[in-house]
PDB file of N, CA and C in Angstrom:
ATOM      1  N   GLN A   1     -40.015 -12.050  31.696  1.00  0.00           N
ATOM      2  CA  GLN A   1     -38.894 -12.971  31.635  1.00  0.00           C
ATOM      3  C   GLN A   1     -38.002 -12.562  30.469  1.00  0.00           C
ATOM      4  N   ASP A   2     -36.727 -12.652  30.686  1.00  0.00           N
ATOM      5  CA  ASP A   2     -35.743 -12.281  29.675  1.00  0.00           C
ATOM      6  C   ASP A   2     -35.878 -13.211  28.466  1.00  0.00           C
ATOM      7  N   ILE A   3     -35.983 -12.629  27.266  1.00  0.00           N
ATOM      8  CA  ILE A   3     -36.170 -13.415  26.046  1.00  0.00           C
ATOM      9  C   ILE A   3     -34.996 -14.365  25.803  1.00  0.00           C
ATOM     10  N   ARG A   4     -33.809 -14.014  26.312  1.00  0.00           N
ATOM     11  CA  ARG A   4     -32.645 -14.883  26.108  1.00  0.00           C
ATOM     12  C   ARG A   4     -32.813 -16.239  26.781  1.00  0.00           C
ATOM     13  N   TYR A   5     -33.653 -16.298  27.810  1.00  0.00           N
ATOM     14  CA  TYR A   5     -33.903 -17.573  28.480  1.00  0.00           C
ATOM     15  C   TYR A   5     -34.492 -18.576  27.495  1.00  0.00           C
ATOM     16  N   LEU A   6     -35.503 -18.174  26.757  1.00  0.00           N
ATOM     17  CA  LEU A   6     -36.121 -19.080  25.783  1.00  0.00           C
ATOM     18  C   LEU A   6     -35.256 -19.269  24.548  1.00  0.00           C
ATOM     19  N   GLN A   7     -34.531 -18.253  24.160  1.00  0.00           N
ATOM     20  CA  GLN A   7     -33.698 -18.356  22.968  1.00  0.00           C
ATOM     21  C   GLN A   7     -32.650 -19.453  23.095  1.00  0.00           C
ATOM     22  N   GLN A   8     -32.183 -19.712  24.294  1.00  0.00           N
ATOM     23  CA  GLN A   8     -31.172 -20.751  24.464  1.00  0.00           C
ATOM     24  C   GLN A   8     -31.713 -22.131  24.094  1.00  0.00           C
ATOM     25  N   TYR A   9     -33.023 -22.313  24.189  1.00  0.00           N
ATOM     26  CA  TYR A   9     -33.621 -23.601  23.869  1.00  0.00           C
ATOM     27  C   TYR A   9     -34.005 -23.732  22.399  1.00  0.00           C
ATOM     28  N   PHE A  10     -33.984 -22.622  21.700  1.00  0.00           N
ATOM     29  CA  PHE A  10     -34.374 -22.640  20.289  1.00  0.00           C
ATOM     30  C   PHE A  10     -33.285 -22.056  19.403  1.00  0.00           C
ATOM     31  N   ALA A  11     -32.041 -22.328  19.741  1.00  0.00           N
ATOM     32  CA  ALA A  11     -30.913 -21.796  18.976  1.00  0.00           C
ATOM     33  C   ALA A  11     -30.825 -22.442  17.595  1.00  0.00           C
ATOM     34  N   PHE A  12     -31.328 -23.665  17.469  1.00  0.00           N
ATOM     35  CA  PHE A  12     -31.264 -24.381  16.205  1.00  0.00           C
ATOM     36  C   PHE A  12     -32.671 -24.750  15.753  1.00  0.00           C
ATOM     37  N   PRO A  13     -32.914 -24.803  14.455  1.00  0.00           N
ATOM     38  CA  PRO A  13     -34.249 -25.168  13.965  1.00  0.00           C
ATOM     39  C   PRO A  13     -34.707 -26.535  14.462  1.00  0.00           C
ATOM     40  N   GLU A  14     -33.750 -27.451  14.656  1.00  0.00           N
ATOM     41  CA  GLU A  14     -34.098 -28.791  15.128  1.00  0.00           C
ATOM     42  C   GLU A  14     -34.696 -28.748  16.533  1.00  0.00           C
ATOM     43  N   GLN A  15     -34.220 -27.822  17.357  1.00  0.00           N
ATOM     44  CA  GLN A  15     -34.747 -27.689  18.711  1.00  0.00           C
ATOM     45  C   GLN A  15     -36.193 -27.215  18.680  1.00  0.00           C
ATOM     46  N   LYS A  16     -36.484 -26.253  17.806  1.00  0.00           N
ATOM     47  CA  LYS A  16     -37.848 -25.756  17.690  1.00  0.00           C
ATOM     48  C   LYS A  16     -38.766 -26.857  17.157  1.00  0.00           C
ATOM     49  N   ALA A  17     -38.290 -27.605  16.165  1.00  0.00           N
ATOM     50  CA  ALA A  17     -39.086 -28.693  15.600  1.00  0.00           C
ATOM     51  C   ALA A  17     -39.349 -29.768  16.657  1.00  0.00           C
ATOM     52  N   ALA A  18     -38.343 -30.078  17.462  1.00  0.00           N
ATOM     53  CA  ALA A  18     -38.520 -31.079  18.519  1.00  0.00           C
ATOM     54  C   ALA A  18     -39.544 -30.605  19.544  1.00  0.00           C
ATOM     55  N   TYR A  19     -39.478 -29.338  19.916  1.00  0.00           N
ATOM     56  CA  TYR A  19     -40.446 -28.781  20.873  1.00  0.00           C
ATOM     57  C   TYR A  19     -41.861 -28.885  20.324  1.00  0.00           C
ATOM     58  N   GLU A  20     -42.036 -28.517  19.068  1.00  0.00           N
ATOM     59  CA  GLU A  20     -43.365 -28.575  18.460  1.00  0.00           C
ATOM     60  C   GLU A  20     -43.879 -30.008  18.394  1.00  0.00           C
ATOM     61  N   LEU A  21     -43.002 -30.945  18.060  1.00  0.00           N
ATOM     62  CA  LEU A  21     -43.387 -32.353  17.996  1.00  0.00           C
ATOM     63  C   LEU A  21     -43.797 -32.872  19.368  1.00  0.00           C
ATOM     64  N   TRP A  22     -42.982 -32.608  20.393  1.00  0.00           N
ATOM     65  CA  TRP A  22     -43.271 -33.108  21.728  1.00  0.00           C
ATOM     66  C   TRP A  22     -44.479 -32.440  22.356  1.00  0.00           C
ATOM     67  N   SER A  23     -44.746 -31.195  22.003  1.00  0.00           N
ATOM     68  CA  SER A  23     -45.900 -30.517  22.588  1.00  0.00           C
ATOM     69  C   SER A  23     -47.208 -31.078  22.039  1.00  0.00           C
ATOM     70  N   LYS A  24     -47.152 -31.739  20.893  1.00  0.00           N
ATOM     71  CA  LYS A  24     -48.346 -32.346  20.294  1.00  0.00           C
ATOM     72  C   LYS A  24     -48.515 -33.812  20.693  1.00  0.00           C
ATOM     73  N   GLU A  25     -47.510 -34.374  21.335  1.00  0.00           N
ATOM     74  CA  GLU A  25     -47.504 -35.793  21.679  1.00  0.00           C
ATOM     75  C   GLU A  25     -48.560 -36.124  22.737  1.00  0.00           C
ATOM     76  N   ASP A  26     -49.076 -37.321  22.652  1.00  0.00           N
ATOM     77  CA  ASP A  26     -50.001 -37.824  23.670  1.00  0.00           C
ATOM     78  C   ASP A  26     -49.177 -38.243  24.883  1.00  0.00           C
ATOM     79  N   HIS A  27     -49.296 -37.514  25.960  1.00  0.00           N
ATOM     80  CA  HIS A  27     -48.494 -37.774  27.151  1.00  0.00           C
ATOM     81  C   HIS A  27     -49.185 -38.721  28.130  1.00  0.00           C
ATOM     82  N   SER A  28     -50.228 -39.381  27.699  1.00  0.00           N
ATOM     83  CA  SER A  28     -50.938 -40.286  28.601  1.00  0.00           C
ATOM     84  C   SER A  28     -50.112 -41.534  28.918  1.00  0.00           C
ATOM     85  N   ARG A  29     -49.049 -41.775  28.149  1.00  0.00           N
ATOM     86  CA  ARG A  29     -48.219 -42.954  28.385  1.00  0.00           C
ATOM     87  C   ARG A  29     -47.046 -42.668  29.312  1.00  0.00           C
ATOM     88  N   ILE A  30     -46.988 -41.474  29.843  1.00  0.00           N
ATOM     89  CA  ILE A  30     -45.921 -41.139  30.779  1.00  0.00           C
ATOM     90  C   ILE A  30     -46.188 -41.867  32.097  1.00  0.00           C
ATOM     91  N   MET A  31     -45.115 -42.316  32.731  1.00  0.00           N
ATOM     92  CA  MET A  31     -45.242 -43.064  33.979  1.00  0.00           C
ATOM     93  C   MET A  31     -46.030 -42.256  35.009  1.00  0.00           C
ATOM     94  N   PRO A  32     -47.119 -42.809  35.512  1.00  0.00           N
ATOM     95  CA  PRO A  32     -47.902 -42.096  36.530  1.00  0.00           C
ATOM     96  C   PRO A  32     -47.161 -42.102  37.863  1.00  0.00           C
ATOM     97  N   PRO A  33     -47.611 -41.279  38.789  1.00  0.00           N
ATOM     98  CA  PRO A  33     -46.961 -41.278  40.104  1.00  0.00           C
ATOM     99  C   PRO A  33     -47.270 -42.572  40.848  1.00  0.00           C
ATOM    100  N   VAL A  34     -46.270 -43.398  41.008  1.00  0.00           N
ATOM    101  CA  VAL A  34     -46.444 -44.689  41.673  1.00  0.00           C
ATOM    102  C   VAL A  34     -45.855 -44.622  43.080  1.00  0.00           C
ATOM    103  N   THR A  35     -46.292 -45.525  43.924  1.00  0.00           N
ATOM    104  CA  THR A  35     -45.842 -45.528  45.307  1.00  0.00           C
ATOM    105  C   THR A  35     -45.280 -46.899  45.665  1.00  0.00           C
ATOM    106  N   PRO A  36     -43.959 -47.009  45.695  1.00  0.00           N
ATOM    107  CA  PRO A  36     -43.393 -48.277  46.158  1.00  0.00           C
ATOM    108  C   PRO A  36     -43.569 -48.400  47.667  1.00  0.00           C
ATOM    109  N   THR A  37     -43.487 -49.605  48.178  1.00  0.00           N
ATOM    110  CA  THR A  37     -43.538 -49.800  49.627  1.00  0.00           C
ATOM    111  C   THR A  37     -42.259 -49.209  50.231  1.00  0.00           C
ATOM    112  N   GLN A  38     -42.233 -49.098  51.567  1.00  0.00           N
ATOM    113  CA  GLN A  38     -41.032 -48.555  52.210  1.00  0.00           C
ATOM    114  C   GLN A  38     -39.807 -49.416  51.919  1.00  0.00           C
ATOM    115  N   ALA A  39     -39.975 -50.717  51.998  1.00  0.00           N
ATOM    116  CA  ALA A  39     -38.850 -51.623  51.738  1.00  0.00           C
ATOM    117  C   ALA A  39     -38.399 -51.510  50.282  1.00  0.00           C
ATOM    118  N   GLU A  40     -39.378 -51.464  49.370  1.00  0.00           N
ATOM    119  CA  GLU A  40     -39.037 -51.314  47.956  1.00  0.00           C
ATOM    120  C   GLU A  40     -38.316 -49.994  47.713  1.00  0.00           C
ATOM    121  N   SER A  41     -38.804 -48.964  48.344  1.00  0.00           N
ATOM    122  CA  SER A  41     -38.207 -47.641  48.157  1.00  0.00           C
ATOM    123  C   SER A  41     -36.758 -47.609  48.621  1.00  0.00           C
ATOM    124  N   ARG A  42     -36.484 -48.210  49.777  1.00  0.00           N
ATOM    125  CA  ARG A  42     -35.109 -48.260  50.285  1.00  0.00           C
ATOM    126  C   ARG A  42     -34.211 -49.046  49.330  1.00  0.00           C
ATOM    127  N   ARG A  43     -34.687 -50.207  48.901  1.00  0.00           N
ATOM    128  CA  ARG A  43     -33.892 -51.044  47.993  1.00  0.00           C
ATOM    129  C   ARG A  43     -33.679 -50.339  46.657  1.00  0.00           C
ATOM    130  N   PHE A  44     -34.727 -49.740  46.121  1.00  0.00           N
ATOM    131  CA  PHE A  44     -34.634 -49.017  44.852  1.00  0.00           C
ATOM    132  C   PHE A  44     -33.608 -47.889  44.970  1.00  0.00           C
ATOM    133  N   GLY A  45     -33.655 -47.158  46.072  1.00  0.00           N
ATOM    134  CA  GLY A  45     -32.713 -46.062  46.280  1.00  0.00           C
ATOM    135  C   GLY A  45     -31.273 -46.530  46.321  1.00  0.00           C
ATOM    136  N   ARG A  46     -31.035 -47.639  47.017  1.00  0.00           N
ATOM    137  CA  ARG A  46     -29.670 -48.171  47.087  1.00  0.00           C
ATOM    138  C   ARG A  46     -29.176 -48.587  45.703  1.00  0.00           C
ATOM    139  N   ILE A  47     -30.024 -49.285  44.977  1.00  0.00           N
ATOM    140  CA  ILE A  47     -29.628 -49.742  43.637  1.00  0.00           C
ATOM    141  C   ILE A  47     -29.356 -48.547  42.729  1.00  0.00           C
ATOM    142  N   MET A  48     -30.297 -47.624  42.691  1.00  0.00           N
ATOM    143  CA  MET A  48     -30.178 -46.519  41.746  1.00  0.00           C
ATOM    144  C   MET A  48     -29.044 -45.562  42.104  1.00  0.00           C
ATOM    145  N   THR A  49     -28.697 -45.455  43.380  1.00  0.00           N
ATOM    146  CA  THR A  49     -27.537 -44.641  43.751  1.00  0.00           C
ATOM    147  C   THR A  49     -26.279 -45.233  43.137  1.00  0.00           C
ATOM    148  N   GLU A  50     -26.132 -46.549  43.255  1.00  0.00           N
ATOM    149  CA  GLU A  50     -24.963 -47.215  42.663  1.00  0.00           C
ATOM    150  C   GLU A  50     -24.981 -47.120  41.143  1.00  0.00           C
ATOM    151  N   VAL A  51     -26.146 -47.349  40.544  1.00  0.00           N
ATOM    152  CA  VAL A  51     -26.260 -47.295  39.088  1.00  0.00           C
ATOM    153  C   VAL A  51     -25.917 -45.896  38.581  1.00  0.00           C
ATOM    154  N   THR A  52     -26.498 -44.884  39.201  1.00  0.00           N
ATOM    155  CA  THR A  52     -26.269 -43.507  38.761  1.00  0.00           C
ATOM    156  C   THR A  52     -24.799 -43.129  38.896  1.00  0.00           C
ATOM    157  N   THR A  53     -24.180 -43.511  39.997  1.00  0.00           N
ATOM    158  CA  THR A  53     -22.762 -43.216  40.185  1.00  0.00           C
ATOM    159  C   THR A  53     -21.925 -43.882  39.105  1.00  0.00           C
ATOM    160  N   ARG A  54     -22.211 -45.156  38.862  1.00  0.00           N
ATOM    161  CA  ARG A  54     -21.438 -45.906  37.858  1.00  0.00           C
ATOM    162  C   ARG A  54     -21.648 -45.334  36.467  1.00  0.00           C
ATOM    163  N   VAL A  55     -22.873 -44.999  36.109  1.00  0.00           N
ATOM    164  CA  VAL A  55     -23.166 -44.457  34.777  1.00  0.00           C
ATOM    165  C   VAL A  55     -22.503 -43.086  34.600  1.00  0.00           C
ATOM    166  N   ASN A  56     -22.621 -42.236  35.604  1.00  0.00           N
ATOM    167  CA  ASN A  56     -22.000 -40.910  35.495  1.00  0.00           C
ATOM    168  C   ASN A  56     -20.488 -41.005  35.354  1.00  0.00           C
ATOM    169  N   THR A  57     -19.876 -41.895  36.114  1.00  0.00           N
ATOM    170  CA  THR A  57     -18.430 -42.089  36.023  1.00  0.00           C
ATOM    171  C   THR A  57     -18.051 -42.611  34.646  1.00  0.00           C
ATOM    172  N   ALA A  58     -18.785 -43.601  34.173  1.00  0.00           N
ATOM    173  CA  ALA A  58     -18.490 -44.184  32.860  1.00  0.00           C
ATOM    174  C   ALA A  58     -18.715 -43.174  31.753  1.00  0.00           C
ATOM    175  N   PHE A  59     -19.767 -42.369  31.863  1.00  0.00           N
ATOM    176  CA  PHE A  59     -20.039 -41.364  30.829  1.00  0.00           C
ATOM    177  C   PHE A  59     -18.882 -40.370  30.748  1.00  0.00           C
ATOM    178  N   ALA A  60     -18.397 -39.926  31.890  1.00  0.00           N
ATOM    179  CA  ALA A  60     -17.271 -38.991  31.896  1.00  0.00           C
ATOM    180  C   ALA A  60     -16.045 -39.629  31.246  1.00  0.00           C
ATOM    181  N   LYS A  61     -15.803 -40.891  31.554  1.00  0.00           N
ATOM    182  CA  LYS A  61     -14.661 -41.580  30.956  1.00  0.00           C
ATOM    183  C   LYS A  61     -14.853 -41.793  29.460  1.00  0.00           C
ATOM    184  N   LEU A  62     -16.078 -42.121  29.040  1.00  0.00           N
ATOM    185  CA  LEU A  62     -16.353 -42.283  27.615  1.00  0.00           C
ATOM    186  C   LEU A  62     -16.178 -40.965  26.880  1.00  0.00           C
ATOM    187  N   ALA A  63     -16.663 -39.880  27.476  1.00  0.00           N
ATOM    188  CA  ALA A  63     -16.592 -38.565  26.831  1.00  0.00           C
ATOM    189  C   ALA A  63     -15.154 -38.077  26.689  1.00  0.00           C
ATOM    190  N   THR A  64     -14.305 -38.437  27.637  1.00  0.00           N
ATOM    191  CA  THR A  64     -12.914 -37.994  27.581  1.00  0.00           C
ATOM    192  C   THR A  64     -12.004 -38.979  26.856  1.00  0.00           C
ATOM    193  N   GLY A  65     -12.537 -40.128  26.522  1.00  0.00           N
ATOM    194  CA  GLY A  65     -11.734 -41.130  25.835  1.00  0.00           C
ATOM    195  C   GLY A  65     -10.972 -42.049  26.774  1.00  0.00           C
ATOM    196  N   ALA A  66     -11.146 -41.861  28.083  1.00  0.00           N
ATOM    197  CA  ALA A  66     -10.460 -42.723  29.050  1.00  0.00           C
ATOM    198  C   ALA A  66     -11.025 -44.135  29.042  1.00  0.00           C
ATOM    199  N   LEU A  67     -12.251 -44.275  28.580  1.00  0.00           N
ATOM    200  CA  LEU A  67     -12.887 -45.589  28.454  1.00  0.00           C
ATOM    201  C   LEU A  67     -13.301 -45.751  26.995  1.00  0.00           C
ATOM    202  N   PRO A  68     -12.774 -46.761  26.309  1.00  0.00           N
ATOM    203  CA  PRO A  68     -13.161 -46.957  24.915  1.00  0.00           C
ATOM    204  C   PRO A  68     -14.605 -47.451  24.807  1.00  0.00           C
ATOM    205  N   LEU A  69     -15.209 -47.206  23.665  1.00  0.00           N
ATOM    206  CA  LEU A  69     -16.587 -47.663  23.449  1.00  0.00           C
ATOM    207  C   LEU A  69     -16.709 -49.172  23.572  1.00  0.00           C
ATOM    208  N   SER A  70     -15.622 -49.871  23.388  1.00  0.00           N
ATOM    209  CA  SER A  70     -15.659 -51.329  23.544  1.00  0.00           C
ATOM    210  C   SER A  70     -15.943 -51.724  24.991  1.00  0.00           C
ATOM    211  N   GLY A  71     -15.819 -50.784  25.916  1.00  0.00           N
ATOM    212  CA  GLY A  71     -16.126 -51.049  27.309  1.00  0.00           C
ATOM    213  C   GLY A  71     -17.599 -50.970  27.640  1.00  0.00           C
ATOM    214  N   TRP A  72     -18.421 -50.650  26.637  1.00  0.00           N
ATOM    215  CA  TRP A  72     -19.863 -50.499  26.861  1.00  0.00           C
ATOM    216  C   TRP A  72     -20.502 -51.772  27.392  1.00  0.00           C
ATOM    217  N   ASP A  73     -20.174 -52.907  26.794  1.00  0.00           N
ATOM    218  CA  ASP A  73     -20.774 -54.169  27.239  1.00  0.00           C
ATOM    219  C   ASP A  73     -20.404 -54.477  28.688  1.00  0.00           C
ATOM    220  N   THR A  74     -19.193 -54.120  29.084  1.00  0.00           N
ATOM    221  CA  THR A  74     -18.766 -54.316  30.472  1.00  0.00           C
ATOM    222  C   THR A  74     -19.598 -53.444  31.398  1.00  0.00           C
ATOM    223  N   LEU A  75     -19.838 -52.201  30.985  1.00  0.00           N
ATOM    224  CA  LEU A  75     -20.663 -51.288  31.782  1.00  0.00           C
ATOM    225  C   LEU A  75     -22.076 -51.851  31.950  1.00  0.00           C
ATOM    226  N   VAL A  76     -22.657 -52.332  30.878  1.00  0.00           N
ATOM    227  CA  VAL A  76     -24.001 -52.909  30.945  1.00  0.00           C
ATOM    228  C   VAL A  76     -24.015 -54.096  31.904  1.00  0.00           C
ATOM    229  N   ALA A  77     -23.015 -54.941  31.827  1.00  0.00           N
ATOM    230  CA  ALA A  77     -22.932 -56.102  32.727  1.00  0.00           C
ATOM    231  C   ALA A  77     -22.802 -55.654  34.186  1.00  0.00           C
ATOM    232  N   GLU A  78     -22.009 -54.608  34.433  1.00  0.00           N
ATOM    233  CA  GLU A  78     -21.858 -54.106  35.803  1.00  0.00           C
ATOM    234  C   GLU A  78     -23.179 -53.571  36.339  1.00  0.00           C
ATOM    235  N   ILE A  79     -23.897 -52.846  35.498  1.00  0.00           N
ATOM    236  CA  ILE A  79     -25.183 -52.281  35.923  1.00  0.00           C
ATOM    237  C   ILE A  79     -26.178 -53.401  36.221  1.00  0.00           C
ATOM    238  N   LYS A  80     -26.155 -54.434  35.413  1.00  0.00           N
ATOM    239  CA  LYS A  80     -27.026 -55.579  35.682  1.00  0.00           C
ATOM    240  C   LYS A  80     -26.632 -56.260  36.990  1.00  0.00           C
ATOM    241  N   SER A  81     -25.334 -56.356  37.253  1.00  0.00           N
ATOM    242  CA  SER A  81     -24.893 -57.005  38.492  1.00  0.00           C
ATOM    243  C   SER A  81     -25.237 -56.161  39.720  1.00  0.00           C
ATOM    244  N   ILE A  82     -25.336 -54.855  39.546  1.00  0.00           N
ATOM    245  CA  ILE A  82     -25.729 -53.976  40.647  1.00  0.00           C
ATOM    246  C   ILE A  82     -27.195 -54.214  41.010  1.00  0.00           C
ATOM    247  N   GLY A  83     -28.011 -54.576  40.016  1.00  0.00           N
ATOM    248  CA  GLY A  83     -29.409 -54.879  40.307  1.00  0.00           C
ATOM    249  C   GLY A  83     -30.420 -54.049  39.543  1.00  0.00           C
ATOM    250  N   ILE A  84     -30.060 -53.566  38.361  1.00  0.00           N
ATOM    251  CA  ILE A  84     -30.984 -52.719  37.603  1.00  0.00           C
ATOM    252  C   ILE A  84     -32.268 -53.472  37.254  1.00  0.00           C
ATOM    253  N   ASP A  85     -32.181 -54.766  37.022  1.00  0.00           N
ATOM    254  CA  ASP A  85     -33.394 -55.537  36.724  1.00  0.00           C
ATOM    255  C   ASP A  85     -34.319 -55.590  37.950  1.00  0.00           C
ATOM    256  N   GLU A  86     -33.739 -55.683  39.136  1.00  0.00           N
ATOM    257  CA  GLU A  86     -34.544 -55.650  40.356  1.00  0.00           C
ATOM    258  C   GLU A  86     -35.217 -54.280  40.509  1.00  0.00           C
ATOM    259  N   ALA A  87     -34.471 -53.203  40.210  1.00  0.00           N
ATOM    260  CA  ALA A  87     -35.033 -51.849  40.300  1.00  0.00           C
ATOM    261  C   ALA A  87     -36.193 -51.685  39.324  1.00  0.00           C
ATOM    262  N   THR A  88     -36.038 -52.230  38.129  1.00  0.00           N
ATOM    263  CA  THR A  88     -37.121 -52.187  37.152  1.00  0.00           C
ATOM    264  C   THR A  88     -38.327 -52.966  37.660  1.00  0.00           C
ATOM    265  N   GLY A  89     -38.080 -54.099  38.286  1.00  0.00           N
ATOM    266  CA  GLY A  89     -39.157 -54.906  38.860  1.00  0.00           C
ATOM    267  C   GLY A  89     -39.892 -54.184  39.975  1.00  0.00           C
ATOM    268  N   ILE A  90     -39.154 -53.421  40.781  1.00  0.00           N
ATOM    269  CA  ILE A  90     -39.780 -52.638  41.852  1.00  0.00           C
ATOM    270  C   ILE A  90     -40.719 -51.600  41.248  1.00  0.00           C
ATOM    271  N   GLN A  91     -40.253 -50.920  40.217  1.00  0.00           N
ATOM    272  CA  GLN A  91     -41.096 -49.912  39.567  1.00  0.00           C
ATOM    273  C   GLN A  91     -42.317 -50.575  38.920  1.00  0.00           C
ATOM    274  N   GLN A  92     -42.124 -51.748  38.325  1.00  0.00           N
ATOM    275  CA  GLN A  92     -43.241 -52.453  37.689  1.00  0.00           C
ATOM    276  C   GLN A  92     -44.278 -52.864  38.726  1.00  0.00           C
ATOM    277  N   ALA A  93     -43.812 -53.352  39.883  1.00  0.00           N
ATOM    278  CA  ALA A  93     -44.739 -53.751  40.943  1.00  0.00           C
ATOM    279  C   ALA A  93     -45.548 -52.548  41.429  1.00  0.00           C
ATOM    280  N   ALA A  94     -44.889 -51.413  41.586  1.00  0.00           N
ATOM    281  CA  ALA A  94     -45.591 -50.198  42.011  1.00  0.00           C
ATOM    282  C   ALA A  94     -46.589 -49.748  40.948  1.00  0.00           C
ATOM    283  N   LEU A  95     -46.214 -49.878  39.676  1.00  0.00           N
ATOM    284  CA  LEU A  95     -47.128 -49.521  38.592  1.00  0.00           C
ATOM    285  C   LEU A  95     -48.330 -50.464  38.566  1.00  0.00           C
ATOM    286  N   ASP A  96     -48.078 -51.741  38.768  1.00  0.00           N
ATOM    287  CA  ASP A  96     -49.180 -52.713  38.808  1.00  0.00           C
ATOM    288  C   ASP A  96     -50.159 -52.380  39.936  1.00  0.00           C
ATOM    289  N   ARG A  97     -49.631 -52.008  41.086  1.00  0.00           N
ATOM    290  CA  ARG A  97     -50.509 -51.612  42.201  1.00  0.00           C
ATOM    291  C   ARG A  97     -51.291 -50.345  41.856  1.00  0.00           C
ATOM    292  N   TYR A  98     -50.653 -49.419  41.170  1.00  0.00           N
ATOM    293  CA  TYR A  98     -51.326 -48.184  40.751  1.00  0.00           C
ATOM    294  C   TYR A  98     -52.548 -48.517  39.881  1.00  0.00           C
ATOM    295  N   PHE A  99     -52.316 -49.386  38.874  1.00  0.00           N
ATOM    296  CA  PHE A  99     -53.430 -49.730  37.976  1.00  0.00           C
ATOM    297  C   PHE A  99     -54.492 -50.565  38.677  1.00  0.00           C
ATOM    298  N   ALA A 100     -54.114 -51.319  39.677  1.00  0.00           N
ATOM    299  CA  ALA A 100     -55.087 -52.117  40.433  1.00  0.00           C
ATOM    300  C   ALA A 100     -56.015 -51.210  41.234  1.00  0.00           C
ATOM    301  N   ARG A 101     -55.528 -50.038  41.634  1.00  0.00           N
ATOM    302  CA  ARG A 101     -56.351 -49.077  42.386  1.00  0.00           C
ATOM    303  C   ARG A 101     -57.332 -48.343  41.495  1.00  0.00           C
ATOM    304  N   LYS A 102     -57.042 -48.224  40.246  1.00  0.00           N
ATOM    305  CA  LYS A 102     -57.883 -47.425  39.341  1.00  0.00           C
ATOM    306  C   LYS A 102     -59.158 -48.137  38.993  1.00  0.00           C
TER     307      LYS A 102
END
């Protein structure tokens, strides 16, 4: 493999330090593979498609200055109105079922 591939990730000392820190981290707290029901999966997909679209659009506007940082609270409210709390609940229910199987 070309050495330049890895060099791009370690261009700064902070990147190397972050890699070393994360490689030592206990990854047992990472979300396990959960299985939502078919209905949950469809609903989660619809919600997250809207959320992702809205966040990506807002991020582009924030980065270019088209949306002032004062618009952040409005963005959060829009994401909540789309159903992000329901999406979180779907993931929590799937996680609860995962732990119930163990």
